């Protein structure tokens, strides 16, 4: 129960930072996404069921905070977590560089799916604008991942899965 309370508090803090502060650290197509970073960490280190449920909740919160289509980010994040869950036991993941690569892949995959969904559903959306945004988000957010993963680990958000 205490672990769930810590995760909920962390989600609340990250959501407030995402909505209130992170736009100041964005420039052009470079953007930070703290909620996606938490989902990547939970997918790498947490139990599968908890990671999937967390991705669903984080995606819904992300949609509501950004006034996006409800459920769009949730579906994308759940698919990304499924991908990480399939890969995480096949490749060494306990080094900061590997974790950053996993985070990069997760965030890029989710960003590409969102870009393709936006291109398909929004008239006038251009892939030449959407794709660099997905890449920029993955680059900047994954660069922050080693530090944030240390914070998440220090907070004890998950019981490590080996």
C-alpha atoms as a PDB file:
ATOM      1  CA  UNK A   1       0.000   0.000   0.000  1.00  0.00           C
ATOM      2  CA  UNK A   2       2.848   2.384   0.848  1.00  0.00           C
ATOM      3  CA  UNK A   3       4.485   1.727  -2.518  1.00  0.00           C
ATOM      4  CA  UNK A   4       1.253   2.626  -4.341  1.00  0.00           C
ATOM      5  CA  UNK A   5       1.027   5.849  -2.358  1.00  0.00           C
ATOM      6  CA  UNK A   6       4.609   6.718  -3.363  1.00  0.00           C
ATOM      7  CA  UNK A   7       3.843   6.000  -7.010  1.00  0.00           C
ATOM      8  CA  UNK A   8       0.665   8.108  -6.837  1.00  0.00           C
ATOM      9  CA  UNK A   9       2.548  10.990  -5.205  1.00  0.00           C
ATOM     10  CA  UNK A  10       5.288  10.720  -7.830  1.00  0.00           C
ATOM     11  CA  UNK A  11       2.711  10.729 -10.624  1.00  0.00           C
ATOM     12  CA  UNK A  12       1.052  13.818  -9.164  1.00  0.00           C
ATOM     13  CA  UNK A  13       4.370  15.681  -8.866  1.00  0.00           C
ATOM     14  CA  UNK A  14       5.434  14.692 -12.386  1.00  0.00           C
ATOM     15  CA  UNK A  15       2.044  15.697 -13.800  1.00  0.00           C
ATOM     16  CA  UNK A  16       2.261  19.113 -12.143  1.00  0.00           C
ATOM     17  CA  UNK A  17       5.824  19.573 -13.409  1.00  0.00           C
ATOM     18  CA  UNK A  18       4.810  18.438 -16.886  1.00  0.00           C
ATOM     19  CA  UNK A  19       1.894  20.834 -17.095  1.00  0.00           C
ATOM     20  CA  UNK A  20       3.418  23.781 -15.260  1.00  0.00           C
ATOM     21  CA  UNK A  21       7.154  23.781 -15.902  1.00  0.00           C
ATOM     22  CA  UNK A  22       8.352  21.492 -18.689  1.00  0.00           C
ATOM     23  CA  UNK A  23       7.264  23.830 -21.489  1.00  0.00           C
ATOM     24  CA  UNK A  24      10.088  26.142 -20.327  1.00  0.00           C
ATOM     25  CA  UNK A  25      12.620  23.408 -21.111  1.00  0.00           C
ATOM     26  CA  UNK A  26      11.211  22.786 -24.576  1.00  0.00           C
ATOM     27  CA  UNK A  27      12.593  24.371 -27.691  1.00  0.00           C
ATOM     28  CA  UNK A  28      11.135  23.737 -31.116  1.00  0.00           C
ATOM     29  CA  UNK A  29      10.866  20.002 -31.581  1.00  0.00           C
ATOM     30  CA  UNK A  30      12.851  19.227 -28.397  1.00  0.00           C
ATOM     31  CA  UNK A  31      10.407  18.440 -25.572  1.00  0.00           C
ATOM     32  CA  UNK A  32      10.520  16.646 -22.247  1.00  0.00           C
ATOM     33  CA  UNK A  33       7.828  14.177 -21.238  1.00  0.00           C
ATOM     34  CA  UNK A  34       8.148  13.135 -17.602  1.00  0.00           C
ATOM     35  CA  UNK A  35       5.059  10.913 -17.599  1.00  0.00           C
ATOM     36  CA  UNK A  36       6.402   8.890 -20.487  1.00  0.00           C
ATOM     37  CA  UNK A  37       9.724   8.609 -18.670  1.00  0.00           C
ATOM     38  CA  UNK A  38       7.971   7.179 -15.611  1.00  0.00           C
ATOM     39  CA  UNK A  39       6.126   4.685 -17.823  1.00  0.00           C
ATOM     40  CA  UNK A  40       9.456   3.610 -19.353  1.00  0.00           C
ATOM     41  CA  UNK A  41      10.962   3.111 -15.891  1.00  0.00           C
ATOM     42  CA  UNK A  42       7.989   1.077 -14.679  1.00  0.00           C
ATOM     43  CA  UNK A  43       8.127  -1.047 -17.834  1.00  0.00           C
ATOM     44  CA  UNK A  44      11.823  -1.754 -17.287  1.00  0.00           C
ATOM     45  CA  UNK A  45      11.806  -2.381 -13.573  1.00  0.00           C
ATOM     46  CA  UNK A  46       8.293  -3.205 -12.405  1.00  0.00           C
ATOM     47  CA  UNK A  47       6.050  -6.222 -12.582  1.00  0.00           C
ATOM     48  CA  UNK A  48       4.315  -6.598 -15.956  1.00  0.00           C
ATOM     49  CA  UNK A  49       0.746  -6.150 -14.716  1.00  0.00           C
ATOM     50  CA  UNK A  50       1.648  -3.048 -12.724  1.00  0.00           C
ATOM     51  CA  UNK A  51       3.573  -1.581 -15.666  1.00  0.00           C
ATOM     52  CA  UNK A  52       0.615  -2.054 -18.017  1.00  0.00           C
ATOM     53  CA  UNK A  53      -1.904  -0.569 -15.573  1.00  0.00           C
ATOM     54  CA  UNK A  54       0.446   2.334 -14.874  1.00  0.00           C
ATOM     55  CA  UNK A  55       0.900   2.988 -18.601  1.00  0.00           C
ATOM     56  CA  UNK A  56      -2.876   3.099 -19.038  1.00  0.00           C
ATOM     57  CA  UNK A  57      -3.304   5.553 -16.161  1.00  0.00           C
ATOM     58  CA  UNK A  58      -0.311   7.696 -17.165  1.00  0.00           C
ATOM     59  CA  UNK A  59      -1.557   7.829 -20.756  1.00  0.00           C
ATOM     60  CA  UNK A  60      -5.011   8.955 -19.680  1.00  0.00           C
ATOM     61  CA  UNK A  61      -3.514  11.612 -17.403  1.00  0.00           C
ATOM     62  CA  UNK A  62      -1.269  12.761 -20.233  1.00  0.00           C
ATOM     63  CA  UNK A  63      -4.267  13.092 -22.560  1.00  0.00           C
ATOM     64  CA  UNK A  64      -6.339  15.019 -20.049  1.00  0.00           C
ATOM     65  CA  UNK A  65      -3.434  17.326 -19.183  1.00  0.00           C
ATOM     66  CA  UNK A  66      -2.759  18.110 -22.840  1.00  0.00           C
ATOM     67  CA  UNK A  67      -6.404  18.253 -23.956  1.00  0.00           C
ATOM     68  CA  UNK A  68      -5.634  15.438 -26.386  1.00  0.00           C
ATOM     69  CA  UNK A  69      -8.009  12.744 -27.513  1.00  0.00           C
ATOM     70  CA  UNK A  70      -8.852  10.722 -24.391  1.00  0.00           C
ATOM     71  CA  UNK A  71      -7.255   7.312 -24.622  1.00  0.00           C
ATOM     72  CA  UNK A  72      -4.859   8.039 -27.493  1.00  0.00           C
ATOM     73  CA  UNK A  73      -1.757   8.294 -25.311  1.00  0.00           C
ATOM     74  CA  UNK A  74      -2.986   5.454 -23.131  1.00  0.00           C
ATOM     75  CA  UNK A  75      -3.162   3.043 -26.078  1.00  0.00           C
ATOM     76  CA  UNK A  76       0.227   4.166 -27.372  1.00  0.00           C
ATOM     77  CA  UNK A  77       1.890   3.860 -23.955  1.00  0.00           C
ATOM     78  CA  UNK A  78       0.399   0.420 -23.299  1.00  0.00           C
ATOM     79  CA  UNK A  79       1.722  -0.781 -26.667  1.00  0.00           C
ATOM     80  CA  UNK A  80       5.134   0.693 -25.845  1.00  0.00           C
ATOM     81  CA  UNK A  81       5.172  -1.017 -22.441  1.00  0.00           C
ATOM     82  CA  UNK A  82       4.252  -4.325 -24.086  1.00  0.00           C
ATOM     83  CA  UNK A  83       7.246  -3.916 -26.378  1.00  0.00           C
ATOM     84  CA  UNK A  84       9.597  -3.198 -23.466  1.00  0.00           C
ATOM     85  CA  UNK A  85       8.199  -6.138 -21.505  1.00  0.00           C
ATOM     86  CA  UNK A  86       8.928  -8.440 -24.432  1.00  0.00           C
ATOM     87  CA  UNK A  87      12.517  -7.182 -24.737  1.00  0.00           C
ATOM     88  CA  UNK A  88      13.621  -6.457 -21.197  1.00  0.00           C
ATOM     89  CA  UNK A  89      14.590 -10.017 -20.266  1.00  0.00           C
ATOM     90  CA  UNK A  90      16.473 -10.640 -23.507  1.00  0.00           C
ATOM     91  CA  UNK A  91      18.938  -7.741 -23.233  1.00  0.00           C
ATOM     92  CA  UNK A  92      20.980  -6.592 -20.245  1.00  0.00           C
ATOM     93  CA  UNK A  93      19.191  -3.605 -18.748  1.00  0.00           C
ATOM     94  CA  UNK A  94      20.967  -2.846 -15.465  1.00  0.00           C
ATOM     95  CA  UNK A  95      23.424  -0.299 -16.838  1.00  0.00           C
ATOM     96  CA  UNK A  96      22.465   3.385 -17.125  1.00  0.00           C
ATOM     97  CA  UNK A  97      23.327   3.504 -20.836  1.00  0.00           C
ATOM     98  CA  UNK A  98      21.124   0.507 -21.615  1.00  0.00           C
ATOM     99  CA  UNK A  99      18.292   2.011 -19.595  1.00  0.00           C
ATOM    100  CA  UNK A 100      18.659   5.256 -21.550  1.00  0.00           C
ATOM    101  CA  UNK A 101      18.549   3.264 -24.804  1.00  0.00           C
ATOM    102  CA  UNK A 102      15.407   1.451 -23.646  1.00  0.00           C
ATOM    103  CA  UNK A 103      13.854   4.793 -22.683  1.00  0.00           C
ATOM    104  CA  UNK A 104      14.834   6.265 -26.064  1.00  0.00           C
ATOM    105  CA  UNK A 105      13.298   3.325 -27.939  1.00  0.00           C
ATOM    106  CA  UNK A 106      10.136   3.397 -25.834  1.00  0.00           C
ATOM    107  CA  UNK A 107       9.622   7.142 -26.221  1.00  0.00           C
ATOM    108  CA  UNK A 108      10.481   7.135 -29.925  1.00  0.00           C
ATOM    109  CA  UNK A 109       8.094   4.223 -30.574  1.00  0.00           C
ATOM    110  CA  UNK A 110       5.290   5.996 -28.700  1.00  0.00           C
ATOM    111  CA  UNK A 111       6.043   9.295 -30.442  1.00  0.00           C
ATOM    112  CA  UNK A 112       6.032   7.673 -33.876  1.00  0.00           C
ATOM    113  CA  UNK A 113       2.697   5.979 -33.167  1.00  0.00           C
ATOM    114  CA  UNK A 114       1.245   9.297 -32.013  1.00  0.00           C
ATOM    115  CA  UNK A 115       2.618  11.068 -35.078  1.00  0.00           C
ATOM    116  CA  UNK A 116       1.102   8.461 -37.399  1.00  0.00           C
ATOM    117  CA  UNK A 117      -2.222   8.651 -35.552  1.00  0.00           C
ATOM    118  CA  UNK A 118      -2.255  12.430 -35.783  1.00  0.00           C
ATOM    119  CA  UNK A 119      -1.356  12.279 -39.467  1.00  0.00           C
ATOM    120  CA  UNK A 120      -4.192   9.824 -40.109  1.00  0.00           C
ATOM    121  CA  UNK A 121      -6.841  11.669 -38.098  1.00  0.00           C
ATOM    122  CA  UNK A 122      -6.043  15.377 -38.449  1.00  0.00           C
ATOM    123  CA  UNK A 123      -6.521  17.072 -41.774  1.00  0.00           C
ATOM    124  CA  UNK A 124      -3.472  19.088 -42.735  1.00  0.00           C
ATOM    125  CA  UNK A 125      -1.069  17.326 -40.361  1.00  0.00           C
ATOM    126  CA  UNK A 126       2.340  16.906 -41.959  1.00  0.00           C
ATOM    127  CA  UNK A 127       4.683  14.047 -41.157  1.00  0.00           C
ATOM    128  CA  UNK A 128       7.687  16.291 -41.854  1.00  0.00           C
ATOM    129  CA  UNK A 129       6.620  18.290 -38.785  1.00  0.00           C
ATOM    130  CA  UNK A 130       5.397  15.414 -36.612  1.00  0.00           C
ATOM    131  CA  UNK A 131       8.346  13.028 -37.025  1.00  0.00           C
ATOM    132  CA  UNK A 132      11.059  15.458 -35.836  1.00  0.00           C
ATOM    133  CA  UNK A 133       8.868  16.123 -32.795  1.00  0.00           C
ATOM    134  CA  UNK A 134       8.830  12.417 -31.963  1.00  0.00           C
ATOM    135  CA  UNK A 135      12.604  12.216 -32.371  1.00  0.00           C
ATOM    136  CA  UNK A 136      13.218  15.379 -30.340  1.00  0.00           C
ATOM    137  CA  UNK A 137      11.017  14.161 -27.519  1.00  0.00           C
ATOM    138  CA  UNK A 138      12.836  10.821 -27.447  1.00  0.00           C
ATOM    139  CA  UNK A 139      16.290  12.430 -27.508  1.00  0.00           C
ATOM    140  CA  UNK A 140      15.708  15.010 -24.795  1.00  0.00           C
ATOM    141  CA  UNK A 141      13.639  12.823 -22.487  1.00  0.00           C
ATOM    142  CA  UNK A 142      15.962   9.817 -22.713  1.00  0.00           C
ATOM    143  CA  UNK A 143      18.939  12.081 -21.996  1.00  0.00           C
ATOM    144  CA  UNK A 144      17.295  12.853 -18.655  1.00  0.00           C
ATOM    145  CA  UNK A 145      16.479   9.191 -17.982  1.00  0.00           C
ATOM    146  CA  UNK A 146      19.624   8.166 -16.033  1.00  0.00           C
ATOM    147  CA  UNK A 147      19.036  10.912 -13.474  1.00  0.00           C
ATOM    148  CA  UNK A 148      15.287  10.340 -13.245  1.00  0.00           C
ATOM    149  CA  UNK A 149      15.690   6.566 -13.006  1.00  0.00           C
ATOM    150  CA  UNK A 150      18.019   7.090 -10.034  1.00  0.00           C
ATOM    151  CA  UNK A 151      15.372   9.290  -8.400  1.00  0.00           C
ATOM    152  CA  UNK A 152      12.653   6.709  -9.070  1.00  0.00           C
ATOM    153  CA  UNK A 153      14.867   3.962  -7.682  1.00  0.00           C
ATOM    154  CA  UNK A 154      15.686   6.020  -4.587  1.00  0.00           C
ATOM    155  CA  UNK A 155      11.959   6.573  -4.023  1.00  0.00           C
ATOM    156  CA  UNK A 156      11.417   2.804  -4.165  1.00  0.00           C
ATOM    157  CA  UNK A 157       8.600   2.992  -6.678  1.00  0.00           C
ATOM    158  CA  UNK A 158       8.859  -0.677  -7.671  1.00  0.00           C
ATOM    159  CA  UNK A 159      10.111  -3.902  -6.252  1.00  0.00           C
ATOM    160  CA  UNK A 160      12.848  -4.855  -8.685  1.00  0.00           C
ATOM    161  CA  UNK A 161      12.001  -7.677 -11.092  1.00  0.00           C
ATOM    162  CA  UNK A 162      14.965  -9.841 -12.081  1.00  0.00           C
END
